[in-house]
Structures are given as C-alpha cells and as structure tokens.
C-alpha cells in the first residue's frame, strides 16, 4: 500500500523510514512548512525569564526545536517542561531536558492532546503560577496559533499563562508534478496519513476542486479525523500517534 506522509519534511523522513520497514510504500508529501519565528527577541526574553515560570508547555516537537534553538549561550532550562505527546517528549530529551523534569501523558494514554496533558499537570497550576505556552504561528501572523483549551483551564485555576511563538507554519507550494500525482492519489487506493488539521486545509488549498470521496486516510486525533471527513475523505481511521498504532490502522484499511 502506498502511504502518503504529510508531516513537515524533517518528521516525514523519519516516518517514511519507519513505514517502509513495516512493509508499506511510503511517499513524503509535506503539507506544512516549518519556518523560524519572526521575533527572535521574544524567544530570548522568555529564556531569560525561564526560572520565573512554574512550567513551560510545548505544543509540538517543532515548538521544542524552535525554542531551544534560540537559547542564549550558557542559559539553562530551569523549570518543568510539559509535553502533549511522545514526539514532543523525545524532542525535549534530545534538547537535554532531564526526563524527571518533563510531564507528559503516559505512553499508553488513549490519545495525546491538551486534555490528556491537563490530567497530569493540573495540580501544578496554582493561583498566580506563571506558565509559558510555547506555540507556533501561521505565516503572515506573529500571533500564537492553536487551541486555547489549556490556556482557559489555567486561567480558571488562577494561573497566569503567557505565550511565545517558537516557529511559523506555512503552506508549501507543491510542484505541478506533485499536484498531479496527489490528485490521482485521491482515488487510486493510496492511504493518506494526517497528523494535523492544517495539513488537510493546505491540501485543499493546493488541490482545489479535487473529489476526495474515494480517498482513504488515517488521522492521529479525532479532531483531525473530523477535518478529513469534512474535506470529503470517504474512509477515515482514527489512530493513536505511535508508529505501531498507525501501522495497525493502516493495515485495517486492507
């Protein structure tokens, strides 16, 4: 089965390797481009205040990489780190954060998102506690993007959330050749792998008018699955994010 991996380029390469080892024919079609944050000074200021925060919550591995790339020389990460899933956890470990300073949903959690993280960290959200939310922004905007669910929970507890942009998400421009084969993949039995609703929106923007009513997809969160169905995908499986779970759901497509 051909599997189209839509993650950003660096992550897509890892998934292509893993899926090929599992017996699939994966192809990378990155539908999100990751760019540096436009305001490096804001990131450096956040680093200089890092010990003033009760914790720093990272929305993704890209948030970790963007934040730590901006670390001033000889500045240590002096607070707790909150991670929504295994990819973010792995990026924090790679950045040198000790495992006992990272809070994340357990490896066997049914899903990995803000709700699952909140179950783990809400006791840390004391009144007055400052929590840094390390997020991305969409191209053309330097305002933090993403859901505000966790921010609202922090405010309800009396904590003081603050956001900083660590990277920018852009819609990559596909070549004519990529658009041609991607359009064919809407009906040739390929399986699309989505880990972001934004990737689905970018796919629709790149291929306007394509009929997805014969297309199949695996999505790593129920909200992403809903976005795929709204785009017209006929068959959509919801999978846990780890590779072995995705492999099992791809196999279930037949």
Protein backbone atom coordinates (compact mmCIF):
# COMPACT_ATOMS: atom_id res chain seq x y z
CA UNK A 1 0.00 0.00 0.00
CA UNK A 2 1.24 3.47 -0.83
CA UNK A 3 1.08 5.74 2.22
CA UNK A 4 1.33 9.49 1.75
CA UNK A 5 3.06 11.10 4.74
CA UNK A 6 2.00 14.73 5.11
CA UNK A 7 4.12 15.80 8.10
CA UNK A 8 6.73 18.57 7.78
CA UNK A 9 9.82 17.48 5.86
CA UNK A 10 12.12 16.57 8.78
CA UNK A 11 9.45 14.49 10.52
CA UNK A 12 8.19 12.99 7.27
CA UNK A 13 11.61 11.48 6.56
CA UNK A 14 11.54 9.56 9.85
CA UNK A 15 8.02 8.28 9.20
CA UNK A 16 8.86 7.21 5.67
CA UNK A 17 11.70 5.09 7.03
CA UNK A 18 9.52 3.55 9.74
CA UNK A 19 6.62 2.77 7.41
CA UNK A 20 8.93 1.28 4.79
CA UNK A 21 10.35 -1.04 7.44
CA UNK A 22 6.76 -2.07 8.24
CA UNK A 23 6.19 -3.16 4.65
CA UNK A 24 4.43 -0.14 3.15
CA UNK A 25 5.40 2.03 0.19
CA UNK A 26 5.53 5.45 1.83
CA UNK A 27 5.92 8.75 -0.02
CA UNK A 28 6.61 12.09 1.65
CA UNK A 29 4.36 14.99 0.66
CA UNK A 30 4.99 17.63 3.34
CA UNK A 31 1.89 19.81 3.62
CA UNK A 32 3.24 22.09 6.34
CA UNK A 33 6.48 24.06 6.06
CA UNK A 34 8.23 24.99 9.31
CA UNK A 35 9.98 28.38 9.35
CA UNK A 36 11.86 30.25 12.09
CA UNK A 37 9.90 32.58 14.33
CA UNK A 38 9.97 36.17 13.18
CA UNK A 39 10.62 37.62 16.64
CA UNK A 40 13.81 36.08 17.99
CA UNK A 41 13.98 38.69 20.74
CA UNK A 42 10.72 37.46 22.29
CA UNK A 43 12.16 33.95 22.48
CA UNK A 44 15.37 35.17 24.07
CA UNK A 45 13.41 37.26 26.57
CA UNK A 46 11.41 34.18 27.51
CA UNK A 47 14.65 32.27 28.05
CA UNK A 48 16.00 34.99 30.32
CA UNK A 49 12.84 34.70 32.46
CA UNK A 50 12.60 30.92 32.30
CA UNK A 51 13.15 30.36 36.03
CA UNK A 52 10.20 32.67 36.78
CA UNK A 53 7.79 30.21 35.18
CA UNK A 54 6.23 27.29 37.02
CA UNK A 55 6.47 25.34 33.76
CA UNK A 56 6.79 25.69 30.00
CA UNK A 57 4.25 23.83 27.88
CA UNK A 58 5.38 22.83 24.36
CA UNK A 59 2.67 22.16 21.78
CA UNK A 60 4.88 20.08 19.48
CA UNK A 61 8.40 18.88 18.72
CA UNK A 62 8.77 21.88 16.41
CA UNK A 63 8.00 24.17 19.34
CA UNK A 64 10.78 22.50 21.30
CA UNK A 65 13.30 22.79 18.48
CA UNK A 66 12.44 26.42 17.76
CA UNK A 67 12.59 27.40 21.42
CA UNK A 68 15.88 25.68 22.20
CA UNK A 69 17.49 26.98 19.01
CA UNK A 70 17.01 30.48 20.44
CA UNK A 71 18.59 29.72 23.83
CA UNK A 72 21.19 32.32 24.84
CA UNK A 73 24.66 30.94 25.50
CA UNK A 74 25.15 29.35 28.93
CA UNK A 75 21.43 29.63 29.80
CA UNK A 76 19.98 26.52 31.42
CA UNK A 77 16.38 25.39 31.14
CA UNK A 78 15.40 25.98 34.75
CA UNK A 79 11.77 24.92 35.01
CA UNK A 80 9.47 21.99 34.30
CA UNK A 81 8.50 21.09 30.75
CA UNK A 82 5.02 19.95 29.73
CA UNK A 83 4.68 17.79 26.60
CA UNK A 84 1.48 16.69 24.90
CA UNK A 85 2.90 13.53 23.35
CA UNK A 86 5.81 11.23 22.61
CA UNK A 87 7.23 13.33 19.77
CA UNK A 88 7.41 16.42 21.95
CA UNK A 89 8.83 14.37 24.82
CA UNK A 90 11.53 12.98 22.54
CA UNK A 91 12.45 16.45 21.30
CA UNK A 92 12.81 17.68 24.89
CA UNK A 93 15.07 14.75 25.77
CA UNK A 94 17.15 15.44 22.66
CA UNK A 95 17.43 19.08 23.75
CA UNK A 96 18.96 17.94 27.05
CA UNK A 97 15.98 18.25 29.41
CA UNK A 98 16.11 15.56 32.10
CA UNK A 99 13.25 13.06 31.96
CA UNK A 100 12.28 13.71 35.58
CA UNK A 101 11.64 17.38 34.71
CA UNK A 102 9.15 16.53 31.94
CA UNK A 103 5.43 15.96 32.46
CA UNK A 104 3.53 14.13 29.70
CA UNK A 105 0.59 11.76 29.31
CA UNK A 106 1.54 8.12 29.93
CA UNK A 107 2.73 6.11 26.95
CA UNK A 108 -0.47 4.03 26.97
CA UNK A 109 -2.80 7.04 27.02
CA UNK A 110 -5.72 6.64 24.57
CA UNK A 111 -4.78 9.97 22.96
CA UNK A 112 -2.19 12.71 23.26
CA UNK A 113 -3.53 16.26 23.46
CA UNK A 114 -4.10 19.16 25.85
CA UNK A 115 -6.84 17.30 27.69
CA UNK A 116 -4.61 14.30 28.37
CA UNK A 117 -1.78 16.58 29.47
CA UNK A 118 -4.07 18.52 31.80
CA UNK A 119 -4.92 15.33 33.69
CA UNK A 120 -1.20 15.07 34.51
CA UNK A 121 -0.27 18.70 35.27
CA UNK A 122 -3.32 20.47 36.67
CA UNK A 123 -2.07 20.15 40.25
CA UNK A 124 0.87 22.41 39.27
CA UNK A 125 -1.44 25.22 38.16
CA UNK A 126 -1.62 27.05 41.45
CA UNK A 127 -3.13 30.53 41.63
CA UNK A 128 -0.55 33.05 40.45
CA UNK A 129 1.71 30.45 38.82
CA UNK A 130 3.17 31.64 35.52
CA UNK A 131 3.11 29.09 32.69
CA UNK A 132 4.83 29.69 29.37
CA UNK A 133 2.97 28.32 26.33
CA UNK A 134 5.46 27.70 23.52
CA UNK A 135 3.49 27.66 20.27
CA UNK A 136 3.65 28.21 16.53
CA UNK A 137 2.16 30.95 14.42
CA UNK A 138 0.67 30.83 10.95
CA UNK A 139 2.51 32.51 8.09
CA UNK A 140 1.61 36.18 7.82
CA UNK A 141 0.92 36.41 11.55
CA UNK A 142 3.14 36.57 14.61
CA UNK A 143 0.22 35.78 16.90
CA UNK A 144 0.32 32.37 18.62
CA UNK A 145 -1.88 29.85 16.81
CA UNK A 146 -3.61 26.74 18.07
CA UNK A 147 -6.29 25.77 20.55
CA UNK A 148 -6.84 27.85 23.67
CA UNK A 149 -8.29 25.00 25.73
CA UNK A 150 -5.32 24.60 28.08
CA UNK A 151 -4.93 28.36 28.44
CA UNK A 152 -8.55 28.59 29.58
CA UNK A 153 -8.05 25.82 32.15
CA UNK A 154 -5.01 27.65 33.53
CA UNK A 155 -6.96 30.89 33.83
CA UNK A 156 -9.79 29.11 35.63
CA UNK A 157 -7.29 27.89 38.23
CA UNK A 158 -5.90 31.40 38.70
CA UNK A 159 -2.63 30.67 36.91
CA UNK A 160 -1.03 33.19 34.55
CA UNK A 161 -0.42 31.74 31.06
CA UNK A 162 1.87 33.61 28.67
CA UNK A 163 2.50 32.62 25.05
CA UNK A 164 5.58 32.88 22.86
CA UNK A 165 5.95 31.96 19.19
CA UNK A 166 8.79 29.48 18.51
CA UNK A 167 8.14 28.72 14.82
CA UNK A 168 5.94 29.65 11.88
CA UNK A 169 3.74 27.26 9.89
CA UNK A 170 3.44 27.93 6.17
CA UNK A 171 1.70 26.21 3.28
CA UNK A 172 4.38 24.80 0.95
CA UNK A 173 3.93 25.29 -2.77
CA UNK A 174 3.67 21.93 -4.50
CA UNK A 175 5.22 21.37 -7.90
CA UNK A 176 2.99 20.62 -10.89
CA UNK A 177 4.19 17.01 -10.79
CA UNK A 178 3.37 16.66 -7.09
CA UNK A 179 -0.10 18.12 -7.61
CA UNK A 180 -0.74 15.67 -10.46
CA UNK A 181 0.14 12.52 -8.54
CA UNK A 182 -1.51 13.81 -5.34
CA UNK A 183 -4.74 14.32 -7.26
CA UNK A 184 -4.51 10.75 -8.59
CA UNK A 185 -3.96 9.54 -5.02
CA UNK A 186 -7.47 10.72 -4.19
CA UNK A 187 -8.83 7.62 -5.92
CA UNK A 188 -6.03 5.10 -6.58
CA UNK A 189 -6.15 3.24 -3.25
CA UNK A 190 -3.39 5.22 -1.54
CA UNK A 191 -3.70 5.93 2.17
CA UNK A 192 -3.14 9.46 3.46
CA UNK A 193 -1.57 9.92 6.90
CA UNK A 194 -2.55 13.14 8.67
CA UNK A 195 -1.17 14.44 11.97
CA UNK A 196 -2.54 17.99 11.60
CA UNK A 197 -5.81 19.56 10.53
CA UNK A 198 -3.73 22.34 8.98
CA UNK A 199 -2.20 19.83 6.58
CA UNK A 200 -5.68 18.94 5.35
CA UNK A 201 -6.56 22.60 4.85
CA UNK A 202 -3.31 23.12 2.93
CA UNK A 203 -4.02 20.08 0.77
CA UNK A 204 -7.40 21.50 -0.18
CA UNK A 205 -5.81 24.87 -0.94
CA UNK A 206 -3.21 23.24 -3.20
CA UNK A 207 -5.73 20.98 -4.97
CA UNK A 208 -8.97 22.94 -5.28
CA UNK A 209 -11.81 21.04 -6.85
CA UNK A 210 -10.38 17.55 -6.27
CA UNK A 211 -13.02 14.99 -5.30
CA UNK A 212 -11.92 13.11 -2.16
CA UNK A 213 -14.98 10.87 -1.96
CA UNK A 214 -12.92 7.78 -2.82
CA UNK A 215 -9.91 8.69 -0.67
CA UNK A 216 -8.74 6.90 2.48
CA UNK A 217 -6.93 8.35 5.47
CA UNK A 218 -5.53 7.61 8.91
CA UNK A 219 -5.60 10.55 11.34
CA UNK A 220 -3.78 10.69 14.67
CA UNK A 221 -6.53 12.55 16.57
CA UNK A 222 -10.34 12.66 16.43
CA UNK A 223 -10.34 16.37 15.53
CA UNK A 224 -8.00 15.69 12.60
CA UNK A 225 -10.26 12.83 11.51
CA UNK A 226 -13.24 15.20 11.60
CA UNK A 227 -11.33 17.62 9.35
CA UNK A 228 -10.59 14.83 6.87
CA UNK A 229 -14.24 13.81 6.77
CA UNK A 230 -15.28 17.43 6.29
CA UNK A 231 -12.88 17.62 3.34
CA UNK A 232 -14.72 14.67 1.79
CA UNK A 233 -12.48 11.69 2.61
CA UNK A 234 -14.62 8.56 2.36
CA UNK A 235 -12.79 6.28 4.82
CA UNK A 236 -11.04 7.73 7.85
CA UNK A 237 -9.46 5.75 10.68
CA UNK A 238 -8.52 7.40 13.97
CA UNK A 239 -5.19 6.13 15.30
CA UNK A 240 -3.03 6.70 18.34
CA UNK A 241 0.14 8.55 17.24
CA UNK A 242 2.86 5.91 17.86
CA UNK A 243 4.17 4.19 14.74
CA UNK A 244 2.98 0.73 15.76
CA UNK A 245 -0.58 2.00 16.25
CA UNK A 246 -0.55 3.81 12.89
CA UNK A 247 0.76 0.65 11.20
CA UNK A 248 -2.11 -1.38 12.68
CA UNK A 249 -4.71 1.12 11.46
CA UNK A 250 -3.18 1.28 8.00
CA UNK A 251 -3.32 -2.49 7.80
CA UNK A 252 -7.00 -2.35 8.78
CA UNK A 253 -7.69 -0.39 5.59
CA UNK A 254 -6.93 -3.58 3.64
